[in-house]
C-alpha atoms as a PDB file:
ATOM      1  CA  MET A   1      50.723  52.938   2.245  1.00  0.00           C
ATOM      2  CA  ARG A   2      49.936  49.812   0.264  1.00  0.00           C
ATOM      3  CA  THR A   3      47.472  49.939  -2.542  1.00  0.00           C
ATOM      4  CA  VAL A   4      44.947  47.122  -2.401  1.00  0.00           C
ATOM      5  CA  LEU A   5      44.086  45.881  -5.845  1.00  0.00           C
ATOM      6  CA  ARG A   6      40.628  44.421  -6.286  1.00  0.00           C
ATOM      7  CA  ARG A   7      39.971  42.045  -9.080  1.00  0.00           C
ATOM      8  CA  ARG A   8      36.664  42.318 -10.795  1.00  0.00           C
ATOM      9  CA  LEU A   9      34.877  39.474 -12.454  1.00  0.00           C
ATOM     10  CA  PRO A  10      34.057  39.997 -16.107  1.00  0.00           C
ATOM     11  CA  GLY A  11      30.453  41.102 -16.558  1.00  0.00           C
ATOM     12  CA  SER A  12      29.507  37.939 -18.473  1.00  0.00           C
ATOM     13  CA  LEU A  13      30.906  35.747 -15.699  1.00  0.00           C
ATOM     14  CA  VAL A  14      28.893  37.650 -13.115  1.00  0.00           C
ATOM     15  CA  VAL A  15      25.721  37.045 -15.117  1.00  0.00           C
ATOM     16  CA  VAL A  16      26.475  33.316 -15.469  1.00  0.00           C
ATOM     17  CA  THR A  17      27.223  33.005 -11.741  1.00  0.00           C
ATOM     18  CA  ILE A  18      23.964  34.720 -10.795  1.00  0.00           C
ATOM     19  CA  PHE A  19      22.025  32.550 -13.252  1.00  0.00           C
ATOM     20  CA  LEU A  20      23.514  29.352 -11.825  1.00  0.00           C
ATOM     21  CA  ALA A  21      22.752  30.448  -8.288  1.00  0.00           C
ATOM     22  CA  LEU A  22      19.143  31.183  -9.203  1.00  0.00           C
ATOM     23  CA  TRP A  23      18.788  27.915 -11.109  1.00  0.00           C
ATOM     24  CA  ILE A  24      20.190  25.801  -8.281  1.00  0.00           C
ATOM     25  CA  GLY A  25      18.024  27.680  -5.817  1.00  0.00           C
ATOM     26  CA  ALA A  26      14.921  26.989  -7.882  1.00  0.00           C
ATOM     27  CA  THR A  27      15.587  23.313  -8.512  1.00  0.00           C
ATOM     28  CA  GLY A  28      17.342  22.321  -5.323  1.00  0.00           C
ATOM     29  CA  THR A  29      20.669  20.893  -6.484  1.00  0.00           C
ATOM     30  CA  ALA A  30      22.322  20.737  -9.852  1.00  0.00           C
ATOM     31  CA  ALA A  31      21.204  17.661 -11.745  1.00  0.00           C
ATOM     32  CA  ALA A  32      23.540  14.690 -11.523  1.00  0.00           C
ATOM     33  CA  GLU A  33      23.511  11.702 -13.839  1.00  0.00           C
ATOM     34  CA  TYR A  34      23.592   8.395 -11.992  1.00  0.00           C
ATOM     35  CA  PRO A  35      24.262   5.067 -13.719  1.00  0.00           C
ATOM     36  CA  VAL A  36      21.190   2.854 -14.010  1.00  0.00           C
ATOM     37  CA  ASP A  37      21.883  -0.880 -13.959  1.00  0.00           C
ATOM     38  CA  TYR A  38      18.745  -2.928 -14.616  1.00  0.00           C
ATOM     39  CA  ASN A  39      19.861  -5.716 -12.329  1.00  0.00           C
ATOM     40  CA  LEU A  40      17.981  -7.151  -9.368  1.00  0.00           C
ATOM     41  CA  PHE A  41      21.105  -6.881  -7.203  1.00  0.00           C
ATOM     42  CA  SER A  42      22.329  -3.454  -8.323  1.00  0.00           C
ATOM     43  CA  GLY A  43      21.497  -1.909  -4.940  1.00  0.00           C
ATOM     44  CA  VAL A  44      23.382  -4.514  -2.884  1.00  0.00           C
ATOM     45  CA  PRO A  45      26.883  -2.990  -3.303  1.00  0.00           C
ATOM     46  CA  GLY A  46      25.567   0.237  -1.771  1.00  0.00           C
ATOM     47  CA  GLU A  47      24.465  -1.607   1.355  1.00  0.00           C
ATOM     48  CA  LEU A  48      27.802  -3.419   1.554  1.00  0.00           C
ATOM     49  CA  GLU A  49      29.776  -0.188   1.194  1.00  0.00           C
ATOM     50  CA  HIS A  50      27.527   1.976   3.401  1.00  0.00           C
ATOM     51  CA  PRO A  51      25.570  -0.252   5.817  1.00  0.00           C
ATOM     52  CA  GLY A  52      22.300   1.382   6.762  1.00  0.00           C
ATOM     53  CA  GLY A  53      23.000   4.287   4.410  1.00  0.00           C
ATOM     54  CA  SER A  54      21.348   5.641   1.274  1.00  0.00           C
ATOM     55  CA  LEU A  55      21.959   5.084  -2.414  1.00  0.00           C
ATOM     56  CA  PRO A  56      23.457   8.051  -4.298  1.00  0.00           C
ATOM     57  CA  GLY A  57      20.589  10.224  -5.486  1.00  0.00           C
ATOM     58  CA  SER A  58      18.274   9.430  -2.574  1.00  0.00           C
ATOM     59  CA  ASN A  59      17.508  10.995   0.813  1.00  0.00           C
ATOM     60  CA  ASP A  60      19.196  14.265  -0.156  1.00  0.00           C
ATOM     61  CA  ARG A  61      18.113  16.781   2.479  1.00  0.00           C
ATOM     62  CA  PHE A  62      19.046  19.625   0.141  1.00  0.00           C
ATOM     63  CA  CYS A  63      16.815  18.442  -2.705  1.00  0.00           C
ATOM     64  CA  ARG A  64      13.912  20.742  -3.461  1.00  0.00           C
ATOM     65  CA  PRO A  65      11.136  19.569  -5.800  1.00  0.00           C
ATOM     66  CA  SER A  66      10.918  21.320  -9.137  1.00  0.00           C
ATOM     67  CA  ALA A  67       7.830  22.792 -10.739  1.00  0.00           C
ATOM     68  CA  ALA A  68       7.889  19.874 -13.187  1.00  0.00           C
ATOM     69  CA  HIS A  69       7.946  17.299 -10.367  1.00  0.00           C
ATOM     70  CA  PRO A  70       6.527  18.981  -7.266  1.00  0.00           C
ATOM     71  CA  ASP A  71       5.911  15.766  -5.305  1.00  0.00           C
ATOM     72  CA  PRO A  72       8.871  13.880  -3.822  1.00  0.00           C
ATOM     73  CA  VAL A  73       8.828  10.146  -4.498  1.00  0.00           C
ATOM     74  CA  VAL A  74       9.004   7.796  -1.509  1.00  0.00           C
ATOM     75  CA  LEU A  75      10.056   4.207  -2.221  1.00  0.00           C
ATOM     76  CA  VAL A  76       8.533   1.495  -0.014  1.00  0.00           C
ATOM     77  CA  HIS A  77      10.343  -1.849  -0.290  1.00  0.00           C
ATOM     78  CA  GLY A  78       8.968  -5.369   0.016  1.00  0.00           C
ATOM     79  CA  THR A  79       9.441  -8.196   2.492  1.00  0.00           C
ATOM     80  CA  GLY A  80      13.123  -8.704   3.257  1.00  0.00           C
ATOM     81  CA  GLY A  81      14.114  -5.607   1.297  1.00  0.00           C
ATOM     82  CA  GLY A  82      15.619  -2.312   2.326  1.00  0.00           C
ATOM     83  CA  ALA A  83      16.222   1.285   1.266  1.00  0.00           C
ATOM     84  CA  GLN A  84      19.262   0.274  -0.786  1.00  0.00           C
ATOM     85  CA  THR A  85      18.864  -3.401  -1.653  1.00  0.00           C
ATOM     86  CA  ASN A  86      15.359  -3.005  -3.110  1.00  0.00           C
ATOM     87  CA  TRP A  87      15.851   0.165  -5.140  1.00  0.00           C
ATOM     88  CA  GLY A  88      19.115  -0.074  -7.084  1.00  0.00           C
ATOM     89  CA  VAL A  89      17.224   0.711 -10.298  1.00  0.00           C
ATOM     90  CA  TYR A  90      14.582   3.172  -9.176  1.00  0.00           C
ATOM     91  CA  VAL A  91      16.747   5.562  -7.139  1.00  0.00           C
ATOM     92  CA  PRO A  92      19.102   6.554  -9.977  1.00  0.00           C
ATOM     93  CA  LEU A  93      16.323   6.362 -12.587  1.00  0.00           C
ATOM     94  CA  LEU A  94      14.079   8.779 -10.683  1.00  0.00           C
ATOM     95  CA  ALA A  95      16.911  11.082  -9.651  1.00  0.00           C
ATOM     96  CA  ASN A  96      18.037  11.351 -13.286  1.00  0.00           C
ATOM     97  CA  ALA A  97      14.444  12.210 -14.252  1.00  0.00           C
ATOM     98  CA  GLY A  98      14.522  15.178 -11.854  1.00  0.00           C
ATOM     99  CA  TYR A  99      12.626  13.791  -8.857  1.00  0.00           C
ATOM    100  CA  CYS A 100      13.532  14.201  -5.227  1.00  0.00           C
ATOM    101  CA  VAL A 101      13.788  10.554  -4.163  1.00  0.00           C
ATOM    102  CA  TYR A 102      13.513   9.130  -0.663  1.00  0.00           C
ATOM    103  CA  ALA A 103      13.699   5.566   0.615  1.00  0.00           C
ATOM    104  CA  LEU A 104      13.468   4.025   4.062  1.00  0.00           C
ATOM    105  CA  THR A 105      14.010   0.620   5.588  1.00  0.00           C
ATOM    106  CA  TYR A 106      10.931  -0.198   7.632  1.00  0.00           C
ATOM    107  CA  GLY A 107      10.055  -3.165   9.816  1.00  0.00           C
ATOM    108  CA  ALA A 108      13.648  -4.205  10.550  1.00  0.00           C
ATOM    109  CA  TYR A 109      14.882  -5.734  13.801  1.00  0.00           C
ATOM    110  CA  ASP A 110      16.901  -2.711  14.899  1.00  0.00           C
ATOM    111  CA  ASN A 111      18.217  -4.401  18.029  1.00  0.00           C
ATOM    112  CA  LEU A 112      20.169  -6.903  15.931  1.00  0.00           C
ATOM    113  CA  PRO A 113      23.528  -6.249  14.251  1.00  0.00           C
ATOM    114  CA  TRP A 114      24.069  -5.602  10.556  1.00  0.00           C
ATOM    115  CA  PRO A 115      23.408  -7.259   8.125  1.00  0.00           C
ATOM    116  CA  VAL A 116      20.244  -8.536   9.839  1.00  0.00           C
ATOM    117  CA  SER A 117      19.303  -4.923  10.621  1.00  0.00           C
ATOM    118  CA  ALA A 118      19.211  -4.222   6.862  1.00  0.00           C
ATOM    119  CA  ILE A 119      16.464  -6.816   6.300  1.00  0.00           C
ATOM    120  CA  GLY A 120      13.204  -4.896   6.411  1.00  0.00           C
ATOM    121  CA  GLY A 121       9.551  -5.842   6.321  1.00  0.00           C
ATOM    122  CA  MET A 122       9.720  -8.232   9.264  1.00  0.00           C
ATOM    123  CA  ARG A 123       7.509  -6.426  11.774  1.00  0.00           C
ATOM    124  CA  PRO A 124       3.668  -6.192  11.804  1.00  0.00           C
ATOM    125  CA  ILE A 125       2.292  -4.063   8.996  1.00  0.00           C
ATOM    126  CA  GLN A 126       0.653  -1.640  11.429  1.00  0.00           C
ATOM    127  CA  ASP A 127       4.052  -0.846  12.968  1.00  0.00           C
ATOM    128  CA  SER A 128       5.732  -0.510   9.589  1.00  0.00           C
ATOM    129  CA  ALA A 129       2.990   1.842   8.372  1.00  0.00           C
ATOM    130  CA  ALA A 130       3.600   4.050  11.402  1.00  0.00           C
ATOM    131  CA  GLN A 131       7.290   4.202  10.433  1.00  0.00           C
ATOM    132  CA  LEU A 132       6.303   5.171   6.900  1.00  0.00           C
ATOM    133  CA  ALA A 133       3.996   7.897   8.246  1.00  0.00           C
ATOM    134  CA  ALA A 134       6.828   9.408  10.286  1.00  0.00           C
ATOM    135  CA  PHE A 135       9.175   9.194   7.296  1.00  0.00           C
ATOM    136  CA  VAL A 136       6.725  10.930   4.942  1.00  0.00           C
ATOM    137  CA  HIS A 137       6.152  13.647   7.542  1.00  0.00           C
ATOM    138  CA  GLN A 138       9.907  14.238   7.643  1.00  0.00           C
ATOM    139  CA  VAL A 139      10.153  14.314   3.836  1.00  0.00           C
ATOM    140  CA  LEU A 140       7.377  16.902   3.584  1.00  0.00           C
ATOM    141  CA  ALA A 141       8.932  19.031   6.326  1.00  0.00           C
ATOM    142  CA  THR A 142      12.359  18.884   4.666  1.00  0.00           C
ATOM    143  CA  THR A 143      11.255  19.578   1.101  1.00  0.00           C
ATOM    144  CA  GLY A 144       8.359  21.955   1.770  1.00  0.00           C
ATOM    145  CA  ALA A 145       6.143  19.824  -0.489  1.00  0.00           C
ATOM    146  CA  SER A 146       2.476  19.294   0.313  1.00  0.00           C
ATOM    147  CA  LYS A 147       2.246  15.685  -0.945  1.00  0.00           C
ATOM    148  CA  VAL A 148       4.397  12.753  -1.957  1.00  0.00           C
ATOM    149  CA  ASP A 149       4.044   9.995  -4.532  1.00  0.00           C
ATOM    150  CA  LEU A 150       4.630   6.398  -3.457  1.00  0.00           C
ATOM    151  CA  ILE A 151       6.235   3.570  -5.405  1.00  0.00           C
ATOM    152  CA  ALA A 152       5.927   0.303  -3.511  1.00  0.00           C
ATOM    153  CA  HIS A 153       6.806  -3.328  -4.052  1.00  0.00           C
ATOM    154  CA  SER A 154       5.047  -6.386  -2.632  1.00  0.00           C
ATOM    155  CA  GLN A 155       4.389  -5.937   1.115  1.00  0.00           C
ATOM    156  CA  GLY A 156       5.258  -2.254   0.736  1.00  0.00           C
ATOM    157  CA  ASN A 157       1.941  -1.761  -1.032  1.00  0.00           C
ATOM    158  CA  ILE A 158      -0.033  -2.949   1.990  1.00  0.00           C
ATOM    159  CA  VAL A 159       2.160  -0.864   4.294  1.00  0.00           C
ATOM    160  CA  GLY A 160       1.515   2.162   2.068  1.00  0.00           C
ATOM    161  CA  ASN A 161      -2.213   1.522   1.863  1.00  0.00           C
ATOM    162  CA  TYR A 162      -2.525   1.074   5.635  1.00  0.00           C
ATOM    163  CA  TYR A 163      -0.790   4.427   6.061  1.00  0.00           C
ATOM    164  CA  ILE A 164      -3.156   6.022   3.555  1.00  0.00           C
ATOM    165  CA  LYS A 165      -6.390   4.492   4.837  1.00  0.00           C
ATOM    166  CA  ARG A 166      -5.791   4.223   8.578  1.00  0.00           C
ATOM    167  CA  LEU A 167      -3.082   6.755   9.531  1.00  0.00           C
ATOM    168  CA  GLY A 168      -4.189   9.868   7.664  1.00  0.00           C
ATOM    169  CA  GLY A 169      -1.978   9.397   4.628  1.00  0.00           C
ATOM    170  CA  GLU A 170      -4.784  10.094   2.143  1.00  0.00           C
ATOM    171  CA  ALA A 171      -4.080  13.824   2.590  1.00  0.00           C
ATOM    172  CA  MET A 172      -0.328  13.327   2.039  1.00  0.00           C
ATOM    173  CA  VAL A 173      -0.218  11.002  -0.992  1.00  0.00           C
ATOM    174  CA  ASP A 174      -1.098  11.949  -4.568  1.00  0.00           C
ATOM    175  CA  LYS A 175      -0.042   8.999  -6.761  1.00  0.00           C
ATOM    176  CA  PHE A 176       0.587   5.398  -5.762  1.00  0.00           C
ATOM    177  CA  VAL A 177       2.505   3.114  -8.140  1.00  0.00           C
ATOM    178  CA  ALA A 178       2.043  -0.473  -6.968  1.00  0.00           C
ATOM    179  CA  LEU A 179       4.442  -3.207  -8.076  1.00  0.00           C
ATOM    180  CA  ALA A 180       3.152  -6.739  -7.393  1.00  0.00           C
ATOM    181  CA  ALA A 181       0.635  -5.722  -4.744  1.00  0.00           C
ATOM    182  CA  PRO A 182      -1.064  -8.437  -2.641  1.00  0.00           C
ATOM    183  CA  TRP A 183      -4.160  -6.242  -2.375  1.00  0.00           C
ATOM    184  CA  VAL A 184      -6.667  -8.899  -1.312  1.00  0.00           C
ATOM    185  CA  GLY A 185      -4.122 -11.429  -0.093  1.00  0.00           C
ATOM    186  CA  THR A 186      -2.029 -13.902  -1.969  1.00  0.00           C
ATOM    187  CA  PHE A 187      -4.171 -17.012  -2.393  1.00  0.00           C
ATOM    188  CA  ASP A 188      -3.247 -20.145  -0.457  1.00  0.00           C
ATOM    189  CA  PRO A 189      -5.971 -22.813  -0.654  1.00  0.00           C
ATOM    190  CA  GLN A 190      -4.590 -24.798   2.254  1.00  0.00           C
ATOM    191  CA  THR A 191      -4.416 -21.745   4.486  1.00  0.00           C
ATOM    192  CA  ASP A 192      -7.906 -20.670   3.457  1.00  0.00           C
ATOM    193  CA  MET A 193      -9.285 -24.109   4.337  1.00  0.00           C
ATOM    194  CA  ILE A 194      -7.612 -23.955   7.743  1.00  0.00           C
ATOM    195  CA  ARG A 195      -9.075 -20.502   8.331  1.00  0.00           C
ATOM    196  CA  ALA A 196     -12.573 -21.579   7.245  1.00  0.00           C
ATOM    197  CA  PHE A 197     -12.473 -24.508   9.642  1.00  0.00           C
ATOM    198  CA  ALA A 198     -11.131 -22.294  12.431  1.00  0.00           C
ATOM    199  CA  ARG A 199     -13.872 -19.736  11.742  1.00  0.00           C
ATOM    200  CA  GLN A 200     -16.551 -22.389  12.283  1.00  0.00           C
ATOM    201  CA  LEU A 201     -14.903 -23.346  15.560  1.00  0.00           C
ATOM    202  CA  GLY A 202     -14.612 -19.686  16.622  1.00  0.00           C
ATOM    203  CA  VAL A 203     -10.810 -19.824  16.906  1.00  0.00           C
ATOM    204  CA  GLU A 204      -9.781 -17.879  13.784  1.00  0.00           C
ATOM    205  CA  PRO A 205      -7.880 -15.190  15.777  1.00  0.00           C
ATOM    206  CA  ALA A 206      -5.687 -17.917  17.249  1.00  0.00           C
ATOM    207  CA  VAL A 207      -4.977 -19.295  13.762  1.00  0.00           C
ATOM    208  CA  ASP A 208      -4.039 -15.824  12.532  1.00  0.00           C
ATOM    209  CA  ALA A 209      -1.668 -15.487  15.471  1.00  0.00           C
ATOM    210  CA  MET A 210       0.015 -18.769  14.539  1.00  0.00           C
ATOM    211  CA  LEU A 211       0.356 -17.749  10.889  1.00  0.00           C
ATOM    212  CA  THR A 212       2.049 -14.483  11.852  1.00  0.00           C
ATOM    213  CA  ALA A 213       4.442 -16.146  14.285  1.00  0.00           C
ATOM    214  CA  GLY A 214       8.117 -16.434  13.438  1.00  0.00           C
ATOM    215  CA  ALA A 215      10.651 -14.061  11.920  1.00  0.00           C
ATOM    216  CA  CYS A 216       8.279 -12.652   9.260  1.00  0.00           C
ATOM    217  CA  LEU A 217       5.411 -11.314  11.332  1.00  0.00           C
ATOM    218  CA  PRO A 218       3.541  -9.679   8.405  1.00  0.00           C
ATOM    219  CA  CYS A 219       3.624 -12.755   6.158  1.00  0.00           C
ATOM    220  CA  GLY A 220       0.476 -14.239   7.674  1.00  0.00           C
ATOM    221  CA  GLN A 221      -1.234 -10.855   7.410  1.00  0.00           C
ATOM    222  CA  MET A 222      -0.953 -11.039   3.615  1.00  0.00           C
ATOM    223  CA  VAL A 223      -1.784 -14.718   3.030  1.00  0.00           C
ATOM    224  CA  GLY A 224      -5.227 -15.767   1.890  1.00  0.00           C
ATOM    225  CA  HIS A 225      -8.113 -13.718   3.207  1.00  0.00           C
ATOM    226  CA  SER A 226      -6.600 -12.822   6.557  1.00  0.00           C
ATOM    227  CA  ALA A 227      -8.567 -11.010   9.231  1.00  0.00           C
ATOM    228  CA  PHE A 228      -6.090  -8.140   8.874  1.00  0.00           C
ATOM    229  CA  LEU A 229      -6.787  -7.659   5.158  1.00  0.00           C
ATOM    230  CA  ARG A 230     -10.528  -8.082   5.631  1.00  0.00           C
ATOM    231  CA  ARG A 231     -10.488  -5.207   8.110  1.00  0.00           C
ATOM    232  CA  LEU A 232      -8.230  -3.068   5.910  1.00  0.00           C
ATOM    233  CA  ASN A 233     -10.395  -3.641   2.815  1.00  0.00           C
ATOM    234  CA  ALA A 234     -13.759  -3.388   4.578  1.00  0.00           C
ATOM    235  CA  ASP A 235     -14.239   0.066   3.010  1.00  0.00           C
ATOM    236  CA  GLY A 236     -12.823  -0.980  -0.351  1.00  0.00           C
ATOM    237  CA  VAL A 237      -9.298  -1.757  -1.467  1.00  0.00           C
ATOM    238  CA  TYR A 238      -8.443   1.721  -2.717  1.00  0.00           C
ATOM    239  CA  ASP A 239      -8.720   5.212  -1.268  1.00  0.00           C
ATOM    240  CA  ARG A 240     -10.645   7.632  -3.470  1.00  0.00           C
ATOM    241  CA  HIS A 241      -8.243  10.512  -2.739  1.00  0.00           C
ATOM    242  CA  VAL A 242      -5.235   8.708  -4.253  1.00  0.00           C
ATOM    243  CA  THR A 243      -4.454   7.839  -7.894  1.00  0.00           C
ATOM    244  CA  TYR A 244      -3.363   4.198  -8.137  1.00  0.00           C
ATOM    245  CA  THR A 245      -1.450   2.422 -10.899  1.00  0.00           C
ATOM    246  CA  ASN A 246      -0.981  -1.340 -10.571  1.00  0.00           C
ATOM    247  CA  ILE A 247       1.940  -2.979 -12.396  1.00  0.00           C
ATOM    248  CA  GLU A 248       2.080  -6.776 -12.326  1.00  0.00           C
ATOM    249  CA  THR A 249       3.601  -9.764 -14.117  1.00  0.00           C
ATOM    250  CA  ARG A 250       1.720 -12.930 -14.975  1.00  0.00           C
ATOM    251  CA  TYR A 251       4.780 -14.893 -13.781  1.00  0.00           C
ATOM    252  CA  ASP A 252       4.506 -13.669 -10.201  1.00  0.00           C
ATOM    253  CA  GLU A 253       5.108 -16.724  -8.038  1.00  0.00           C
ATOM    254  CA  LEU A 254       4.355 -15.012  -4.716  1.00  0.00           C
ATOM    255  CA  ILE A 255       1.202 -13.073  -5.622  1.00  0.00           C
ATOM    256  CA  VAL A 256      -1.020 -16.008  -6.560  1.00  0.00           C
ATOM    257  CA  PRO A 257      -3.043 -15.712  -8.671  1.00  0.00           C
ATOM    258  CA  PHE A 258      -1.235 -12.793 -10.287  1.00  0.00           C
ATOM    259  CA  THR A 259      -4.599 -11.110 -10.858  1.00  0.00           C
ATOM    260  CA  VAL A 260      -4.527 -10.122  -7.168  1.00  0.00           C
ATOM    261  CA  GLY A 261      -1.921  -7.552  -8.216  1.00  0.00           C
ATOM    262  CA  VAL A 262      -4.352  -5.966 -10.659  1.00  0.00           C
ATOM    263  CA  THR A 263      -7.433  -5.973  -8.432  1.00  0.00           C
ATOM    264  CA  PRO A 264     -10.081  -3.779 -10.134  1.00  0.00           C
ATOM    265  CA  GLY A 265     -11.119  -0.466  -8.647  1.00  0.00           C
ATOM    266  CA  PRO A 266     -12.662   2.844  -9.739  1.00  0.00           C
ATOM    267  CA  GLY A 267     -10.151   4.951 -11.638  1.00  0.00           C
ATOM    268  CA  VAL A 268      -7.320   2.469 -11.051  1.00  0.00           C
ATOM    269  CA  THR A 269      -4.924   1.894 -13.957  1.00  0.00           C
ATOM    270  CA  GLN A 270      -4.060  -1.776 -14.480  1.00  0.00           C
ATOM    271  CA  ILE A 271      -0.861  -2.792 -16.286  1.00  0.00           C
ATOM    272  CA  LEU A 272       0.233  -6.355 -17.012  1.00  0.00           C
ATOM    273  CA  LEU A 273       3.805  -6.431 -18.310  1.00  0.00           C
ATOM    274  CA  GLN A 274       3.136  -9.168 -20.844  1.00  0.00           C
ATOM    275  CA  ASP A 275       0.338  -7.257 -22.561  1.00  0.00           C
ATOM    276  CA  GLY A 276       2.085  -6.231 -25.771  1.00  0.00           C
ATOM    277  CA  CYS A 277       5.390  -7.806 -24.684  1.00  0.00           C
ATOM    278  CA  PRO A 278       5.213 -11.603 -24.346  1.00  0.00           C
ATOM    279  CA  VAL A 279       9.029 -11.916 -24.027  1.00  0.00           C
ATOM    280  CA  ASP A 280       9.091 -10.245 -20.613  1.00  0.00           C
ATOM    281  CA  TYR A 281       9.450 -13.108 -18.119  1.00  0.00           C
ATOM    282  CA  SER A 282      10.047 -11.055 -14.992  1.00  0.00           C
ATOM    283  CA  GLU A 283       8.674 -12.606 -11.810  1.00  0.00           C
ATOM    284  CA  HIS A 284       7.975 -11.191  -8.347  1.00  0.00           C
ATOM    285  CA  ALA A 285      11.435 -10.054  -7.265  1.00  0.00           C
ATOM    286  CA  GLY A 286      12.665  -9.221 -10.763  1.00  0.00           C
ATOM    287  CA  LEU A 287       9.828  -6.748 -11.211  1.00  0.00           C
ATOM    288  CA  VAL A 288      11.836  -4.052  -9.377  1.00  0.00           C
ATOM    289  CA  ALA A 289      14.640  -4.363 -11.940  1.00  0.00           C
ATOM    290  CA  ASP A 290      12.470  -4.605 -15.048  1.00  0.00           C
ATOM    291  CA  ALA A 291      12.972  -1.761 -17.524  1.00  0.00           C
ATOM    292  CA  ARG A 292       9.450  -2.134 -18.903  1.00  0.00           C
ATOM    293  CA  ALA A 293       7.908  -1.868 -15.422  1.00  0.00           C
ATOM    294  CA  ALA A 294      10.100   1.145 -14.676  1.00  0.00           C
ATOM    295  CA  GLY A 295       8.956   2.834 -17.882  1.00  0.00           C
ATOM    296  CA  PHE A 296       5.329   2.375 -16.897  1.00  0.00           C
ATOM    297  CA  ALA A 297       6.120   3.690 -13.412  1.00  0.00           C
ATOM    298  CA  LEU A 298       7.694   6.875 -14.784  1.00  0.00           C
ATOM    299  CA  ASN A 299       4.647   7.459 -16.983  1.00  0.00           C
ATOM    300  CA  ALA A 300       2.323   6.901 -14.031  1.00  0.00           C
ATOM    301  CA  LEU A 301       4.142   9.614 -12.096  1.00  0.00           C
ATOM    302  CA  ASP A 302       4.064  12.039 -15.031  1.00  0.00           C
ATOM    303  CA  PRO A 303       1.214  11.059 -17.357  1.00  0.00           C
ATOM    304  CA  ALA A 304       1.308  14.438 -19.111  1.00  0.00           C
ATOM    305  CA  HIS A 305       4.737  13.614 -20.553  1.00  0.00           C
ATOM    306  CA  PRO A 306       4.701   9.897 -21.465  1.00  0.00           C
ATOM    307  CA  ARG A 307       7.934   8.189 -22.466  1.00  0.00           C
ATOM    308  CA  PRO A 308       8.353   5.168 -24.755  1.00  0.00           C
ATOM    309  CA  VAL A 309       8.113   1.933 -22.768  1.00  0.00           C
ATOM    310  CA  PRO A 310      10.682  -0.687 -23.804  1.00  0.00           C
ATOM    311  CA  CYS A 311       9.989  -4.299 -24.650  1.00  0.00           C
ATOM    312  CA  HIS A 312      12.788  -6.866 -24.886  1.00  0.00           C
ATOM    313  CA  LEU A 313      13.628 -10.340 -23.657  1.00  0.00           C
ATOM    314  CA  THR A 314      13.759 -10.205 -19.854  1.00  0.00           C
ATOM    315  CA  LEU A 315      14.596 -13.321 -17.861  1.00  0.00           C
ATOM    316  CA  PRO A 316      13.265 -14.228 -14.411  1.00  0.00           C
ATOM    317  CA  ALA A 317      15.156 -13.056 -11.298  1.00  0.00           C
ATOM    318  CA  VAL A 318      17.527 -10.997 -13.417  1.00  0.00           C
ATOM    319  CA  GLY A 319      15.893  -7.780 -14.541  1.00  0.00           C
ATOM    320  CA  GLY A 320      16.868  -5.868 -17.618  1.00  0.00           C
END
């Protein structure tokens, strides 16, 4: 008869193993440190390496929100962006801070091959908002959370607000961090004159249809005072159930005037990057790679534990 020898773990090792198991179970997954490159194009290599995939640190189905950060963060890109190309800075930054981070590509032409399929924000805002609603529902079901926080850029803000105000999202969203939001429409005097003339002739719907024609269907929805935005904002720009923080740059060349991005509202926090930091020259696209903007965004998500917000020379279309 053979004697079976059983090895026993040292008592201290057993305790450490149990502690680690409990800690991972409580927080979801062990924290990983991801490199953060404040560069507008830092998310592009991810799309090239994993077309249609997710950046490391995002869309982790095993992530469980912690007590410190109970709401997952959903990133909503801008026109022409995507889950990876738009969020090369914010995914690793938020994951390193302990958030469960999720990002989708909405409004893409799925019937076309990559890389065209990676270009989001091309479909009508109503359709994109429905995609966001389904995505948030999946995030909540996966994580067990009751609400999410949104960080959006450019068109993503209107997509997020349509979801909140028209698709029941007010019960699912706690905080909304808005980067360069065209809340009341980016101003275009020529377009507004055309619309005013068309309104007098009773053909404004036809003009709106022409403005939204082409590859970028939502572009006309966000220009001037479109019929779409007038309907969306008929009950006010902001939803009273959601906490909004607007972050904008005075050098925004697509949200014109830039004050559209800091449209006043009750309880809304307004942040202009150049207030207190005149050497920040970030423009519309560069805003998503701006360290100062990211610092304000982190503080908006967790105002009880504010972090120092950097200020240094930041050039347009670069980030930093």
